[in-house]
């Protein structure tokens, strides 16, 4: 765990849950199976989360659509799941776009489809820069 990362203790706990799911189920199932198992494991670990949370996507101030995030953990971390033989750059780009659209600073992209669990920690640099420029008492 790198304590310099924002929300490091929380992402560490989420990663631990994902590792247990992958170790138990292995690879080869559909994404929804891993999503259900991860929900069970995060609940057992006392993590607060919303699953399949519908979030609005805005362009400037106009609502242009919605997207369902796989998990929003503790209202801080977006978690996107995949069940692919390997992650591609497009999957990382998509997840980073979701972070920006949801105005979140940190996310995890978890791929359960590979023989070894792939964990990609994502940061929304725009959100992190905005937060650094905000007054200390701003949420």
C-alpha atoms as a PDB file:
ATOM      1  CA  UNK A   1       0.000   0.000   0.000  1.00  0.00           C
ATOM      2  CA  UNK A   2       1.381   3.381  -0.986  1.00  0.00           C
ATOM      3  CA  UNK A   3       0.178   5.834   1.690  1.00  0.00           C
ATOM      4  CA  UNK A   4       0.807   8.799  -0.623  1.00  0.00           C
ATOM      5  CA  UNK A   5      -2.090   7.784  -2.889  1.00  0.00           C
ATOM      6  CA  UNK A   6      -5.422   9.431  -2.112  1.00  0.00           C
ATOM      7  CA  UNK A   7      -7.705   6.976  -0.275  1.00  0.00           C
ATOM      8  CA  UNK A   8      -4.895   4.386  -0.083  1.00  0.00           C
ATOM      9  CA  UNK A   9      -6.335   2.475   2.913  1.00  0.00           C
ATOM     10  CA  UNK A  10      -9.733   2.210   1.216  1.00  0.00           C
ATOM     11  CA  UNK A  11      -8.371   1.075  -2.155  1.00  0.00           C
ATOM     12  CA  UNK A  12      -6.182  -1.438  -0.312  1.00  0.00           C
ATOM     13  CA  UNK A  13      -9.290  -2.952   1.316  1.00  0.00           C
ATOM     14  CA  UNK A  14     -11.173  -3.068  -1.997  1.00  0.00           C
ATOM     15  CA  UNK A  15      -8.203  -4.747  -3.678  1.00  0.00           C
ATOM     16  CA  UNK A  16      -8.109  -7.332  -0.888  1.00  0.00           C
ATOM     17  CA  UNK A  17     -11.772  -8.143  -1.499  1.00  0.00           C
ATOM     18  CA  UNK A  18     -11.145  -8.479  -5.238  1.00  0.00           C
ATOM     19  CA  UNK A  19      -8.159 -10.765  -4.645  1.00  0.00           C
ATOM     20  CA  UNK A  20     -10.245 -13.043  -2.437  1.00  0.00           C
ATOM     21  CA  UNK A  21     -12.986 -13.227  -5.092  1.00  0.00           C
ATOM     22  CA  UNK A  22     -10.490 -14.030  -7.850  1.00  0.00           C
ATOM     23  CA  UNK A  23      -8.665 -16.576  -5.700  1.00  0.00           C
ATOM     24  CA  UNK A  24     -11.992 -18.280  -4.905  1.00  0.00           C
ATOM     25  CA  UNK A  25     -13.646 -18.201  -8.348  1.00  0.00           C
ATOM     26  CA  UNK A  26     -10.670 -18.026 -10.694  1.00  0.00           C
ATOM     27  CA  UNK A  27     -11.154 -16.619 -14.178  1.00  0.00           C
ATOM     28  CA  UNK A  28     -13.697 -17.573 -16.830  1.00  0.00           C
ATOM     29  CA  UNK A  29     -17.025 -16.296 -15.483  1.00  0.00           C
ATOM     30  CA  UNK A  30     -19.099 -13.415 -16.795  1.00  0.00           C
ATOM     31  CA  UNK A  31     -18.596  -9.989 -15.259  1.00  0.00           C
ATOM     32  CA  UNK A  32     -21.907 -10.109 -13.371  1.00  0.00           C
ATOM     33  CA  UNK A  33     -20.745 -13.170 -11.398  1.00  0.00           C
ATOM     34  CA  UNK A  34     -17.664 -11.311 -10.171  1.00  0.00           C
ATOM     35  CA  UNK A  35     -19.783  -8.256  -9.444  1.00  0.00           C
ATOM     36  CA  UNK A  36     -22.119 -10.275  -7.229  1.00  0.00           C
ATOM     37  CA  UNK A  37     -19.237 -11.997  -5.441  1.00  0.00           C
ATOM     38  CA  UNK A  38     -17.396  -8.702  -4.895  1.00  0.00           C
ATOM     39  CA  UNK A  39     -20.552  -7.177  -3.409  1.00  0.00           C
ATOM     40  CA  UNK A  40     -20.762 -10.068  -0.937  1.00  0.00           C
ATOM     41  CA  UNK A  41     -17.094  -9.763  -0.001  1.00  0.00           C
ATOM     42  CA  UNK A  42     -17.180  -5.966   0.415  1.00  0.00           C
ATOM     43  CA  UNK A  43     -20.278  -6.269   2.580  1.00  0.00           C
ATOM     44  CA  UNK A  44     -18.508  -8.875   4.746  1.00  0.00           C
ATOM     45  CA  UNK A  45     -15.593  -6.439   5.121  1.00  0.00           C
ATOM     46  CA  UNK A  46     -17.885  -3.604   6.217  1.00  0.00           C
ATOM     47  CA  UNK A  47     -17.397  -1.413   3.151  1.00  0.00           C
ATOM     48  CA  UNK A  48     -20.242   0.905   2.220  1.00  0.00           C
ATOM     49  CA  UNK A  49     -21.062   0.833  -1.478  1.00  0.00           C
ATOM     50  CA  UNK A  50     -23.694   1.329  -4.118  1.00  0.00           C
ATOM     51  CA  UNK A  51     -23.861  -1.193  -6.949  1.00  0.00           C
ATOM     52  CA  UNK A  52     -24.985  -0.372 -10.487  1.00  0.00           C
ATOM     53  CA  UNK A  53     -25.450   3.235  -9.414  1.00  0.00           C
ATOM     54  CA  UNK A  54     -26.949   5.326 -12.191  1.00  0.00           C
ATOM     55  CA  UNK A  55     -24.958   8.518 -12.565  1.00  0.00           C
ATOM     56  CA  UNK A  56     -25.684  11.476 -14.809  1.00  0.00           C
ATOM     57  CA  UNK A  57     -23.241  12.510 -17.521  1.00  0.00           C
ATOM     58  CA  UNK A  58     -23.057  16.213 -18.301  1.00  0.00           C
ATOM     59  CA  UNK A  59     -21.576  18.180 -21.133  1.00  0.00           C
ATOM     60  CA  UNK A  60     -20.961  21.621 -19.735  1.00  0.00           C
ATOM     61  CA  UNK A  61     -24.238  22.152 -17.851  1.00  0.00           C
ATOM     62  CA  UNK A  62     -26.402  19.938 -20.051  1.00  0.00           C
ATOM     63  CA  UNK A  63     -27.429  16.411 -19.091  1.00  0.00           C
ATOM     64  CA  UNK A  64     -26.486  14.223 -22.060  1.00  0.00           C
ATOM     65  CA  UNK A  65     -26.975  10.744 -20.686  1.00  0.00           C
ATOM     66  CA  UNK A  66     -26.480   8.322 -17.867  1.00  0.00           C
ATOM     67  CA  UNK A  67     -24.050   5.536 -17.065  1.00  0.00           C
ATOM     68  CA  UNK A  68     -24.149   2.856 -14.412  1.00  0.00           C
ATOM     69  CA  UNK A  69     -20.980   2.585 -12.396  1.00  0.00           C
ATOM     70  CA  UNK A  70     -20.301  -0.990 -11.248  1.00  0.00           C
ATOM     71  CA  UNK A  71     -19.540   0.187  -7.695  1.00  0.00           C
ATOM     72  CA  UNK A  72     -19.200   3.474  -5.884  1.00  0.00           C
ATOM     73  CA  UNK A  73     -17.443   2.621  -2.618  1.00  0.00           C
ATOM     74  CA  UNK A  74     -17.800   4.898   0.406  1.00  0.00           C
ATOM     75  CA  UNK A  75     -18.881   7.684  -2.005  1.00  0.00           C
ATOM     76  CA  UNK A  76     -15.184   8.068  -2.873  1.00  0.00           C
ATOM     77  CA  UNK A  77     -13.913   5.287  -5.120  1.00  0.00           C
ATOM     78  CA  UNK A  78     -15.327   4.253  -8.477  1.00  0.00           C
ATOM     79  CA  UNK A  79     -14.781   0.548  -9.172  1.00  0.00           C
ATOM     80  CA  UNK A  80     -15.200  -0.789 -12.704  1.00  0.00           C
ATOM     81  CA  UNK A  81     -15.112  -4.530 -13.337  1.00  0.00           C
ATOM     82  CA  UNK A  82     -14.114  -6.397 -16.460  1.00  0.00           C
ATOM     83  CA  UNK A  83     -13.928 -10.112 -17.250  1.00  0.00           C
ATOM     84  CA  UNK A  84     -11.615 -10.071 -20.267  1.00  0.00           C
ATOM     85  CA  UNK A  85      -8.564 -12.093 -21.263  1.00  0.00           C
ATOM     86  CA  UNK A  86      -6.617  -8.827 -21.011  1.00  0.00           C
ATOM     87  CA  UNK A  87      -7.244  -5.127 -20.540  1.00  0.00           C
ATOM     88  CA  UNK A  88      -6.737  -2.778 -23.456  1.00  0.00           C
ATOM     89  CA  UNK A  89      -5.908   0.929 -23.418  1.00  0.00           C
ATOM     90  CA  UNK A  90      -9.527   1.683 -24.347  1.00  0.00           C
ATOM     91  CA  UNK A  91     -10.732   0.159 -21.045  1.00  0.00           C
ATOM     92  CA  UNK A  92      -8.371   2.402 -19.065  1.00  0.00           C
ATOM     93  CA  UNK A  93      -9.403   5.455 -21.080  1.00  0.00           C
ATOM     94  CA  UNK A  94     -13.089   4.654 -20.567  1.00  0.00           C
ATOM     95  CA  UNK A  95     -12.626   4.313 -16.804  1.00  0.00           C
ATOM     96  CA  UNK A  96     -10.700   7.597 -16.611  1.00  0.00           C
ATOM     97  CA  UNK A  97     -13.501   9.285 -18.579  1.00  0.00           C
ATOM     98  CA  UNK A  98     -16.003   7.962 -16.036  1.00  0.00           C
ATOM     99  CA  UNK A  99     -13.943   9.426 -13.202  1.00  0.00           C
ATOM    100  CA  UNK A 100     -14.043  12.803 -14.900  1.00  0.00           C
ATOM    101  CA  UNK A 101     -17.763  12.546 -15.668  1.00  0.00           C
ATOM    102  CA  UNK A 102     -18.561  11.537 -12.070  1.00  0.00           C
ATOM    103  CA  UNK A 103     -16.158  14.174 -10.705  1.00  0.00           C
ATOM    104  CA  UNK A 104     -14.285  11.609  -8.633  1.00  0.00           C
ATOM    105  CA  UNK A 105     -10.562  11.617  -7.965  1.00  0.00           C
ATOM    106  CA  UNK A 106      -9.824   7.893  -7.580  1.00  0.00           C
ATOM    107  CA  UNK A 107     -10.964   4.703  -9.240  1.00  0.00           C
ATOM    108  CA  UNK A 108     -10.059   1.067  -9.655  1.00  0.00           C
ATOM    109  CA  UNK A 109     -10.316  -1.000 -12.810  1.00  0.00           C
ATOM    110  CA  UNK A 110     -10.429  -4.695 -11.897  1.00  0.00           C
ATOM    111  CA  UNK A 111     -10.110  -7.411 -14.512  1.00  0.00           C
ATOM    112  CA  UNK A 112     -11.179 -10.843 -13.304  1.00  0.00           C
ATOM    113  CA  UNK A 113     -10.900 -12.516 -16.718  1.00  0.00           C
ATOM    114  CA  UNK A 114      -7.138 -12.993 -16.763  1.00  0.00           C
ATOM    115  CA  UNK A 115      -5.399 -15.900 -14.978  1.00  0.00           C
ATOM    116  CA  UNK A 116      -4.094 -13.330 -12.466  1.00  0.00           C
ATOM    117  CA  UNK A 117      -6.318 -10.525 -11.207  1.00  0.00           C
ATOM    118  CA  UNK A 118      -5.432  -7.258 -12.925  1.00  0.00           C
ATOM    119  CA  UNK A 119      -5.755  -4.153 -10.757  1.00  0.00           C
ATOM    120  CA  UNK A 120      -5.342  -0.710 -12.287  1.00  0.00           C
ATOM    121  CA  UNK A 121      -5.449   2.283  -9.950  1.00  0.00           C
ATOM    122  CA  UNK A 122      -6.825   5.349 -11.713  1.00  0.00           C
ATOM    123  CA  UNK A 123      -6.617   8.998 -10.802  1.00  0.00           C
ATOM    124  CA  UNK A 124      -8.508  11.904 -12.236  1.00  0.00           C
ATOM    125  CA  UNK A 125      -5.799  14.545 -12.302  1.00  0.00           C
ATOM    126  CA  UNK A 126      -8.355  17.267 -13.094  1.00  0.00           C
ATOM    127  CA  UNK A 127     -10.312  16.471  -9.936  1.00  0.00           C
ATOM    128  CA  UNK A 128      -7.171  16.262  -7.818  1.00  0.00           C
ATOM    129  CA  UNK A 129      -5.926  19.623  -9.141  1.00  0.00           C
ATOM    130  CA  UNK A 130      -9.316  21.258  -8.479  1.00  0.00           C
ATOM    131  CA  UNK A 131      -9.305  19.912  -4.934  1.00  0.00           C
ATOM    132  CA  UNK A 132      -5.815  21.318  -4.291  1.00  0.00           C
ATOM    133  CA  UNK A 133      -7.020  24.759  -5.418  1.00  0.00           C
ATOM    134  CA  UNK A 134     -10.185  24.714  -3.290  1.00  0.00           C
ATOM    135  CA  UNK A 135     -10.365  26.370   0.128  1.00  0.00           C
ATOM    136  CA  UNK A 136      -9.662  23.882   2.989  1.00  0.00           C
ATOM    137  CA  UNK A 137     -13.304  23.702   4.185  1.00  0.00           C
ATOM    138  CA  UNK A 138     -14.774  23.043   0.720  1.00  0.00           C
ATOM    139  CA  UNK A 139     -16.266  19.522   0.381  1.00  0.00           C
END
